[in-house]
Amino acid sequence: MEVTMSRETDWMVFEKAVEVTASAVRGTAGGSQPASYVGDVFREIHKALKEASAEMPDKIGTTGFAAQG
């Protein structure tokens, strides 16, 4: 599934994927992991975050206020 988003949003998702990957790999038992494992973890996390962000609404309305007309 190809997800399209603004460059700013894509960058934020990328940064969060890096954070989550680092945390996940650091927390794995057995010490350091091979680069291929880290790459696989990153790709899956990045893909999941992009899909989740695509399902979120573009704009969130002001809570509690309805448009009056």
Protein backbone atom coordinates (compact mmCIF):
# COMPACT_ATOMS: atom_id res chain seq x y z
CA MET A 1 0.00 0.00 0.00
CA GLU A 2 1.55 3.28 -1.11
CA VAL A 3 0.78 6.14 1.26
CA THR A 4 1.13 9.75 0.14
CA MET A 5 1.51 12.56 2.66
CA SER A 6 3.03 15.99 2.95
CA ARG A 7 6.79 16.24 3.19
CA GLU A 8 6.52 17.63 6.74
CA THR A 9 4.31 14.76 7.90
CA ASP A 10 6.51 12.21 6.15
CA TRP A 11 9.56 13.60 7.94
CA MET A 12 7.82 13.44 11.34
CA VAL A 13 6.78 9.82 10.69
CA PHE A 14 10.35 8.98 9.64
CA GLU A 15 11.80 10.52 12.83
CA LYS A 16 9.31 8.65 15.01
CA ALA A 17 10.17 5.38 13.21
CA VAL A 18 13.86 5.99 13.96
CA GLU A 19 13.04 6.60 17.66
CA VAL A 20 10.85 3.50 17.97
CA THR A 21 13.37 1.34 16.11
CA ALA A 22 16.21 2.48 18.36
CA SER A 23 14.14 1.76 21.44
CA ALA A 24 13.02 -1.64 20.17
CA VAL A 25 16.49 -2.77 19.13
CA ARG A 26 18.06 -1.48 22.34
CA GLY A 27 15.49 -3.48 24.31
CA THR A 28 16.07 -6.81 22.56
CA ALA A 29 17.74 -9.55 24.55
CA GLY A 30 21.20 -10.68 23.58
CA GLY A 31 22.99 -7.40 23.01
CA SER A 32 23.73 -5.88 19.60
CA GLN A 33 21.79 -6.99 16.56
CA PRO A 34 23.04 -7.28 12.95
CA ALA A 35 22.33 -4.36 10.64
CA SER A 36 19.94 -6.46 8.56
CA TYR A 37 17.75 -7.07 11.63
CA VAL A 38 17.70 -3.36 12.50
CA GLY A 39 16.81 -2.54 8.89
CA ASP A 40 13.93 -5.02 8.90
CA VAL A 41 12.59 -3.62 12.17
CA PHE A 42 12.82 -0.05 10.84
CA ARG A 43 11.03 -0.89 7.58
CA GLU A 44 8.14 -2.56 9.39
CA ILE A 45 7.78 0.23 11.94
CA HIS A 46 7.98 2.95 9.27
CA LYS A 47 5.40 1.15 7.12
CA ALA A 48 3.01 0.75 10.08
CA LEU A 49 3.36 4.40 11.12
CA LYS A 50 2.75 5.65 7.56
CA GLU A 51 -0.37 3.49 7.24
CA ALA A 52 -1.65 4.66 10.63
CA SER A 53 -1.05 8.32 9.79
CA ALA A 54 -2.87 7.91 6.47
CA GLU A 55 -5.96 6.73 8.35
CA MET A 56 -6.02 9.82 10.57
CA PRO A 57 -8.16 12.78 9.52
CA ASP A 58 -6.30 15.63 7.81
CA LYS A 59 -7.73 18.32 10.08
CA ILE A 60 -9.27 18.11 13.47
CA GLY A 61 -12.19 20.43 14.14
CA THR A 62 -12.49 22.58 17.21
CA THR A 63 -14.02 20.42 19.90
CA GLY A 64 -17.30 21.67 21.32
CA PHE A 65 -17.98 24.29 18.68
CA ALA A 66 -20.37 23.69 15.81
CA ALA A 67 -20.48 25.84 12.71
CA GLN A 68 -23.35 28.29 12.99
CA GLY A 69 -24.89 29.68 9.87
